[in-house]
Protein backbone atom coordinates (compact mmCIF):
# COMPACT_ATOMS: atom_id res chain seq x y z
CA MET A 1 -21.96 -9.76 -8.19
CA ASP A 2 -19.11 -10.70 -10.77
CA ARG A 3 -17.28 -7.36 -11.79
CA GLY A 4 -14.70 -9.10 -13.70
CA PRO A 5 -11.29 -7.73 -14.34
CA ASP A 6 -12.48 -3.97 -14.85
CA ARG A 7 -9.28 -2.13 -15.67
CA ALA A 8 -10.92 0.90 -14.09
CA TYR A 9 -10.29 -0.63 -10.59
CA ARG A 10 -6.83 -1.71 -11.47
CA GLY A 11 -5.19 0.93 -9.04
CA LEU A 12 -3.89 -1.58 -6.52
CA ALA A 13 -0.33 -2.58 -7.45
CA TRP A 14 0.89 -6.17 -7.21
CA THR A 15 3.19 -6.68 -4.29
CA GLY A 16 4.69 -10.00 -5.45
CA GLU A 17 2.51 -11.74 -3.10
CA ARG A 18 -0.96 -10.07 -2.92
CA ALA A 19 -3.43 -12.03 -4.88
CA LEU A 20 -5.29 -10.04 -7.41
CA PRO A 21 -8.40 -10.91 -9.52
CA TRP A 22 -6.77 -9.77 -12.77
CA GLY A 23 -3.60 -11.45 -11.96
CA GLU A 24 -1.67 -13.88 -14.48
CA ASP A 25 -1.05 -16.80 -12.26
CA LEU A 26 -4.02 -19.10 -12.95
CA GLN A 27 -2.84 -21.57 -9.86
CA VAL A 28 -3.09 -18.71 -7.26
CA LEU A 29 -6.48 -17.55 -8.51
CA TYR A 30 -8.04 -20.93 -8.61
CA GLU A 31 -6.62 -21.67 -5.03
CA HIS A 32 -7.71 -18.38 -3.43
CA TYR A 33 -11.31 -18.31 -5.02
CA HIS A 34 -11.81 -22.05 -4.12
CA ARG A 35 -11.38 -21.30 -0.45
CA TYR A 36 -13.88 -18.23 -0.45
CA LEU A 37 -16.29 -20.11 -2.49
CA LEU A 38 -16.12 -23.24 -0.18
CA VAL A 39 -17.06 -21.14 2.84
CA ARG A 40 -19.80 -19.07 1.11
CA ALA A 41 -22.24 -21.93 1.76
CA TRP A 42 -21.60 -21.64 5.62
CA VAL A 43 -22.04 -17.88 5.74
CA THR A 44 -25.74 -17.45 5.00
CA ASP A 45 -27.36 -14.86 7.17
CA ARG A 46 -24.21 -14.89 9.47
CA ASP A 47 -21.85 -11.98 10.35
CA VAL A 48 -18.51 -12.58 8.91
CA LEU A 49 -15.17 -11.23 9.47
CA ASP A 50 -12.35 -11.46 7.00
CA LEU A 51 -8.87 -10.88 8.25
CA GLY A 52 -6.04 -10.15 5.76
CA CYS A 53 -8.66 -9.35 3.16
CA GLY A 54 -6.25 -8.04 0.73
CA GLU A 55 -7.74 -6.55 -2.61
CA GLY A 56 -11.28 -7.50 -1.09
CA TYR A 57 -12.59 -9.88 -3.79
CA GLY A 58 -13.12 -12.64 -1.37
CA ALA A 59 -15.12 -10.47 1.09
CA ASP A 60 -17.32 -9.34 -1.74
CA LEU A 61 -17.95 -12.98 -2.68
CA LEU A 62 -18.92 -13.79 0.87
CA ALA A 63 -21.16 -10.57 1.29
CA ALA A 64 -23.46 -12.01 -1.48
CA ASN A 65 -24.80 -14.60 1.00
CA ALA A 66 -23.80 -13.20 4.42
CA ARG A 67 -25.78 -10.75 6.62
CA SER A 68 -22.69 -8.63 7.04
CA VAL A 69 -19.09 -8.87 6.15
CA VAL A 70 -16.17 -6.83 7.42
CA GLY A 71 -12.75 -7.08 5.80
CA ILE A 72 -9.49 -6.00 7.71
CA ASP A 73 -6.30 -5.45 6.20
CA ILE A 74 -2.90 -3.72 7.46
CA ALA A 75 -2.32 -2.25 4.05
CA ASP A 76 -4.17 1.01 3.84
CA GLU A 77 -4.03 1.30 0.15
CA ALA A 78 -5.79 -2.12 -0.14
CA VAL A 79 -8.53 -0.95 2.02
CA GLN A 80 -9.19 2.25 0.17
CA HIS A 81 -9.18 0.26 -3.18
CA ALA A 82 -11.68 -2.39 -1.88
CA GLN A 83 -13.93 0.43 -0.63
CA ARG A 84 -13.75 1.95 -4.02
CA ARG A 85 -14.44 -1.21 -5.91
CA TYR A 86 -16.79 -3.29 -3.74
CA ALA A 87 -19.61 -1.36 -2.69
CA ARG A 88 -22.52 -3.20 -1.41
CA PRO A 89 -25.00 -3.22 1.59
CA GLY A 90 -23.58 -5.11 4.45
CA LEU A 91 -19.88 -4.79 3.26
CA ARG A 92 -17.20 -2.73 4.75
CA PHE A 93 -13.45 -2.44 4.84
CA ALA A 94 -11.12 -1.14 7.66
CA GLN A 95 -7.59 -0.88 8.06
CA GLY A 96 -5.90 -2.81 10.98
CA SER A 97 -3.58 -5.43 12.12
CA MET A 98 -4.84 -8.99 12.36
CA THR A 99 -2.79 -9.53 15.39
CA ASP A 100 -4.07 -6.34 17.14
CA ALA A 101 -7.19 -7.09 19.41
CA SER A 102 -8.21 -3.44 19.20
CA SER A 103 -8.83 -4.13 15.40
CA VAL A 104 -11.96 -5.86 16.14
CA ASP A 105 -15.11 -5.84 18.36
CA ALA A 106 -15.85 -8.51 20.93
CA ASP A 107 -18.52 -11.06 20.11
CA SER A 108 -19.15 -9.24 16.67
CA CYS A 109 -19.18 -11.99 14.19
CA ASP A 110 -20.30 -15.65 13.59
CA ILE A 111 -17.32 -16.77 11.22
CA VAL A 112 -13.82 -15.49 10.95
CA VAL A 113 -11.93 -16.34 7.69
CA CYS A 114 -8.25 -15.89 7.53
CA PHE A 115 -6.78 -17.18 4.30
CA GLU A 116 -3.07 -17.12 3.40
CA ALA A 117 -2.16 -14.71 6.19
CA LEU A 118 -1.03 -17.03 8.99
CA GLU A 119 2.40 -17.46 7.39
CA HIS A 120 2.95 -13.68 7.15
CA VAL A 121 3.14 -13.20 10.79
CA VAL A 122 5.10 -14.73 13.41
CA GLU A 123 2.51 -13.81 16.23
CA HIS A 124 0.03 -16.93 15.86
CA GLN A 125 -1.28 -16.88 19.27
CA GLU A 126 -1.88 -13.23 19.08
CA LEU A 127 -3.91 -13.81 15.86
CA LEU A 128 -5.72 -16.62 17.56
CA ALA A 129 -6.59 -14.10 20.48
CA VAL A 130 -8.16 -11.78 17.94
CA VAL A 131 -10.43 -14.46 16.26
CA ARG A 132 -11.70 -15.60 19.78
CA LYS A 133 -12.40 -11.85 20.62
CA ALA A 134 -14.24 -11.53 17.60
CA LEU A 135 -16.32 -14.78 17.56
CA ARG A 136 -19.33 -15.22 19.40
CA PRO A 137 -19.92 -18.33 21.34
CA GLY A 138 -19.95 -21.32 19.10
CA GLY A 139 -18.57 -19.31 16.25
CA LEU A 140 -16.51 -20.89 13.21
CA PHE A 141 -12.96 -19.99 12.36
CA VAL A 142 -11.77 -20.89 8.85
CA THR A 143 -8.19 -20.33 7.82
CA SER A 144 -5.51 -21.72 5.39
CA THR A 145 -1.83 -21.75 5.15
CA PRO A 146 1.00 -23.34 2.98
CA GLU A 147 2.07 -26.75 4.44
CA ARG A 148 5.61 -26.17 4.71
CA VAL A 149 7.29 -29.08 3.60
CA ALA A 150 5.14 -29.73 0.33
CA TYR A 151 4.95 -25.94 -0.36
CA ASN A 152 8.72 -25.54 -0.47
CA ASP A 153 9.33 -28.79 -2.21
CA ASP A 154 7.04 -27.34 -4.95
CA ARG A 155 8.89 -24.04 -5.15
CA SER A 156 11.94 -23.97 -7.67
CA GLY A 157 12.81 -20.16 -6.66
CA GLY A 158 13.72 -21.19 -2.90
CA GLU A 159 11.83 -19.80 0.09
CA ASN A 160 9.08 -17.37 -0.18
CA PRO A 161 10.39 -13.92 1.05
CA PHE A 162 7.21 -12.83 2.36
CA HIS A 163 6.50 -15.88 4.75
CA LEU A 164 7.67 -15.14 8.12
CA ARG A 165 6.70 -18.34 9.79
CA GLU A 166 5.27 -21.49 7.89
CA LEU A 167 3.87 -24.36 9.63
CA ASP A 168 3.82 -28.13 8.69
CA ARG A 169 0.59 -30.51 9.18
CA GLY A 170 1.41 -31.19 12.68
CA GLU A 171 2.22 -27.60 13.75
CA PHE A 172 -1.26 -26.58 12.09
CA ALA A 173 -3.32 -29.06 13.97
CA ASP A 174 -1.59 -28.03 17.29
CA LEU A 175 -2.35 -24.57 16.60
CA LEU A 176 -6.03 -25.15 16.03
CA GLY A 177 -6.42 -27.69 18.62
CA GLY A 178 -5.05 -25.63 21.21
CA ALA A 179 -7.56 -22.88 20.67
CA PHE A 180 -10.77 -24.69 19.70
CA ILE A 181 -12.56 -27.94 20.99
CA ASN A 182 -13.27 -29.31 17.34
CA TYR A 183 -11.16 -28.85 14.43
CA ALA A 184 -10.68 -30.61 11.13
CA LEU A 185 -7.98 -30.03 8.35
CA LEU A 186 -8.53 -30.23 4.63
CA ASP A 187 -6.09 -30.64 1.96
CA GLN A 188 -5.86 -28.35 -1.06
CA GLN A 189 -3.76 -28.74 -4.24
CA ILE A 190 -4.18 -27.43 -7.72
CA ALA A 191 -5.79 -29.68 -10.26
CA VAL A 192 -6.42 -28.96 -13.93
CA GLY A 193 -8.20 -31.61 -16.02
CA SER A 194 -11.57 -33.03 -16.35
CA LEU A 195 -14.54 -33.38 -14.17
CA VAL A 196 -16.90 -36.33 -14.02
CA THR A 197 -20.02 -36.29 -11.80
CA SER A 198 -23.04 -38.63 -11.13
CA ALA A 199 -26.42 -37.53 -9.90
CA SER A 200 -27.30 -40.97 -8.57
CA ALA A 201 -23.78 -41.49 -6.54
CA SER A 202 -24.24 -41.29 -2.86
CA PRO A 203 -23.12 -37.98 -1.08
CA ASP A 204 -20.11 -39.41 0.76
CA HIS A 205 -18.74 -41.43 -2.26
CA SER A 206 -15.82 -39.77 -4.25
CA ALA A 207 -13.00 -40.79 -6.25
CA THR A 208 -10.10 -38.54 -7.22
CA VAL A 209 -7.54 -39.86 -9.83
CA ALA A 210 -4.33 -38.44 -10.93
CA LEU A 211 -2.40 -38.37 -14.24
CA LEU A 212 1.22 -37.89 -14.67
CA ARG A 213 3.70 -37.66 -17.52
CA GLN A 214 5.87 -40.49 -17.98
CA GLY A 215 8.28 -40.15 -20.92
CA ASP A 216 6.16 -39.82 -24.18
CA GLY A 217 3.06 -41.10 -22.35
CA TRP A 218 1.00 -40.78 -19.24
CA VAL A 219 0.30 -43.12 -16.40
CA GLY A 220 -1.97 -43.24 -13.32
CA ALA A 221 -0.58 -41.95 -10.11
CA GLU A 222 -1.19 -41.35 -6.49
CA LEU A 223 -2.25 -37.76 -5.70
CA PRO A 224 1.07 -35.69 -4.48
CA PRO A 225 1.13 -34.23 -1.03
CA ALA A 226 -1.22 -31.13 -0.60
CA THR A 227 0.36 -27.83 -0.88
CA TYR A 228 -2.04 -25.87 1.27
CA LEU A 229 -4.04 -26.91 4.54
CA LEU A 230 -7.26 -25.34 5.19
CA GLY A 231 -8.47 -25.49 9.11
CA VAL A 232 -12.09 -25.38 10.34
CA ALA A 233 -12.66 -24.95 13.99
CA SER A 234 -15.02 -24.12 16.66
CA ASP A 235 -15.91 -25.02 20.03
CA GLU A 236 -19.48 -26.36 18.69
CA PRO A 237 -19.86 -29.25 16.23
CA LEU A 238 -18.41 -28.58 12.83
CA PRO A 239 -20.46 -28.01 9.81
CA SER A 240 -20.86 -30.83 7.34
CA LEU A 241 -17.43 -30.91 5.39
CA PRO A 242 -17.36 -32.03 1.96
CA SER A 243 -15.12 -35.33 1.14
CA VAL A 244 -14.45 -33.44 -2.00
CA SER A 245 -14.56 -29.77 -3.15
CA VAL A 246 -13.99 -29.12 -6.85
CA LEU A 247 -13.58 -25.54 -8.35
CA VAL A 248 -14.86 -25.56 -11.72
CA ASP A 249 -14.21 -22.74 -14.28
CA PRO A 250 -16.76 -23.89 -16.66
CA GLN A 251 -16.04 -21.49 -19.62
CA ILE A 252 -12.22 -21.91 -18.80
CA GLU A 253 -12.12 -18.10 -18.88
CA LEU A 254 -8.93 -18.01 -16.98
CA VAL A 255 -7.04 -20.25 -19.14
CA ARG A 256 -8.68 -18.59 -22.42
CA ASP A 257 -7.52 -15.09 -20.86
CA ALA A 258 -4.10 -16.47 -20.28
CA GLN A 259 -3.93 -18.13 -23.94
CA ARG A 260 -5.12 -14.74 -25.30
CA ARG A 261 -2.22 -13.12 -23.29
CA MET A 262 0.02 -15.65 -24.77
CA TYR A 263 -1.18 -15.10 -28.46
CA ASP A 264 -0.82 -11.42 -28.05
CA ALA A 265 2.59 -11.77 -26.64
CA MET A 266 3.59 -14.11 -29.56
CA ASP A 267 2.17 -11.44 -32.10
CA GLN A 268 4.16 -8.82 -30.34
CA ALA A 269 7.19 -10.94 -30.29
CA ALA A 270 6.70 -11.76 -34.15
CA GLN A 271 6.20 -7.88 -34.62
CA LEU A 272 9.41 -7.33 -32.73
CA ARG A 273 11.21 -9.71 -34.69
CA ASP A 274 10.26 -8.06 -37.91
CA GLN A 275 11.29 -4.72 -36.83
CA LEU A 276 14.64 -6.29 -35.58
CA ALA A 277 15.22 -7.87 -39.05
CA THR A 278 14.21 -4.49 -40.72
CA ALA A 279 16.78 -2.54 -38.51
CA ARG A 280 19.32 -5.03 -38.95
CA ALA A 281 18.88 -4.97 -42.74
CA ALA A 282 18.88 -1.14 -42.73
CA ALA A 283 22.07 -1.33 -40.47
CA ASP A 284 23.70 -3.85 -42.89
CA ARG A 285 22.99 -1.61 -45.88
CA ARG A 286 24.42 1.29 -43.97
CA THR A 287 27.37 -0.60 -43.06
CA ALA A 288 28.07 -1.82 -46.70
CA ASP A 289 27.70 1.90 -47.76
CA SER A 290 29.96 2.91 -45.03
CA MET A 291 32.71 0.42 -45.87
CA ALA A 292 32.40 1.21 -49.67
CA ASN A 293 32.79 4.80 -48.77
CA ALA A 294 35.65 3.98 -46.66
CA ASP A 295 37.16 2.09 -49.55
CA VAL A 296 36.87 5.07 -51.78
CA LEU A 297 38.28 7.13 -48.99
CA ARG A 298 41.30 4.85 -48.60
CA GLY A 299 41.75 4.74 -52.24
CA GLU A 300 41.67 8.76 -52.61
CA THR A 301 43.96 8.87 -49.47
CA ALA A 302 46.40 6.47 -51.07
CA ARG A 303 46.36 8.46 -54.28
CA LEU A 304 46.78 11.76 -52.58
CA GLY A 305 49.79 10.27 -50.52
CA GLN A 306 51.54 8.92 -53.47
CA GLU A 307 51.08 12.49 -55.32
CA LEU A 308 52.52 14.20 -51.91
CA VAL A 309 55.58 11.62 -52.10
CA ALA A 310 56.19 12.61 -55.85
CA THR A 311 55.68 16.35 -55.19
CA ARG A 312 58.27 15.99 -52.34
CA GLU A 313 60.54 14.18 -54.68
CA ARG A 314 60.11 17.08 -57.47
CA LEU A 315 60.70 19.79 -54.71
CA ARG A 316 63.92 17.98 -53.69
CA ASP A 317 65.14 17.84 -57.34
CA ALA A 318 64.32 21.47 -57.90
CA ASP A 319 66.00 22.37 -54.53
CA GLN A 320 69.20 20.40 -55.79
CA ARG A 321 68.97 22.18 -59.22
CA ALA A 322 68.54 25.57 -57.65
CA ALA A 323 71.51 24.78 -55.46
CA ASP A 324 73.70 23.71 -58.47
CA LEU A 325 72.84 26.86 -60.36
CA ARG A 326 73.66 28.75 -57.43
CA VAL A 327 77.16 27.47 -57.22
CA ARG A 328 77.69 27.71 -61.02
CA VAL A 329 76.57 31.50 -60.66
CA ASP A 330 78.76 32.15 -57.83
CA TYR A 331 81.57 30.59 -59.84
CA LEU A 332 80.88 32.78 -62.79
CA GLU A 333 80.64 36.01 -60.98
CA SER A 334 84.06 35.34 -59.25
CA SER A 335 85.81 34.68 -62.63
CA ARG A 336 88.02 37.29 -64.57
CA ALA A 337 85.93 36.99 -67.73
CA TYR A 338 83.00 37.80 -65.71
CA ARG A 339 84.78 40.88 -64.57
CA VAL A 340 85.86 41.99 -67.85
CA TYR A 341 82.49 41.39 -69.10
CA ARG A 342 81.01 43.50 -66.49
CA ALA A 343 83.61 46.35 -67.20
CA LEU A 344 82.75 46.41 -71.02
CA ARG A 345 79.07 46.07 -70.22
CA ALA A 346 79.34 49.20 -68.04
CA ALA A 347 81.34 51.23 -70.81
CA TYR A 348 78.81 50.19 -73.35
CA ALA A 349 76.00 51.36 -71.23
CA ALA A 350 77.98 54.84 -70.64
CA ALA A 351 78.64 55.14 -74.39
CA ARG A 352 75.01 54.72 -75.12
CA SER A 353 74.01 56.97 -72.66
CA ALA A 354 76.45 59.83 -73.96
CA GLY A 355 75.17 59.28 -77.69
CA THR A 356 71.58 59.42 -76.59
CA ALA A 357 72.27 62.71 -74.66
CA GLY A 358 74.10 64.49 -77.81
C-alpha cells in the first residue's frame, strides 16, 4: 500500500542520516527503495526480519508479499512512528539493538535484511550472531553498506560522522564469507537517465551504458565504481540473482516533486526580492527625508548660532557703554559743579516746599 508523503505522519525528525520517504534527497530515496524492492520478490510467504528498520517504509513494502515482517530499530521514536503509520496484518515493530541477541527469537525468520546499518556499528560479528540466531536453517541474509573507497571519493563534505566502521569490497566479502557457506556481492550506484527494454532479449543478457559530460558535449564512458555493496548470503544455494536490476520511477514523481519544490523556492525568492526592493526603496526615502531634515536643521542651527554670536557682540557693546556711562557718572558726581548744582536743587526744593505750605 503506497501511502505517499502524508504530512499527517511526518512526526519523525530527520537526524541527518535517517532515510525518510518525504525527504528531498532523491538519490537516497532511489537507493533505499531499490534495495527493498529487489528483495521483495524473494519474501513471498516468508517470515522476514528487518534490522535497523528506521522509519518503517521498507518493512511495509516487504509486508505486502511476506507472511510476516518484524522491524527492529534502536530508536524508540522511530518504532513508535512506524507503529502509527504502518498498520497491516503480519507487520509489527519493536525497539531493540541489532547487535543484541536478546532482541530476536531463535529460528524465527526465513530472511533477514539489514540495509545501510552495518556502518553504524563497530560490532559486526555481534550483528552477524544476531542474524544467525534469528535465521532458520538455510535462511537468507541480505545486507548493504557503502563501499568505503568509492563512497568517500564521492563525498565532497568529508567523512560521514554517523558511520562508525565502513568496509571496502574485500572486507565486506570476508565478513559474509566468514559467516555463510554461500554469498554474492552486487554493486549499486545511482543512475538517472533512460530505460530501454526488449521482450525478446534473453534473460541473462544485459547492457549498461554510461554518459558523461565533457566540456560542452557528452561522451560514452565506463561506469564509475559502485558506491554501495549489497550482499546476499546463505548456507543454502542462493536465489537467482538478476544480472541487472533497474529501479524505475515511471511518472518521475520524485523528480517532479523536487522540481515543484525548486519552483516554489524560486517564487518565494522572487517574492523576497520584491519585498527587499520595496523595503530598500522605503529606507532610501526615509534616508532622503532624514537627510533633507538634517540639512534644514543644520541651516537653522547655523542661523541660530550666527544670531547668538551677534547677540553676544551686542551685549558686549552694551556692557562697554554701561561701563563708560558709569565712569562719566562717577566723574560728574565728584565734580564741584555737581556739588553746587546739588545744593541749589536742595534749596530750590526747600523754597518750593515753604511756598506751598504758606
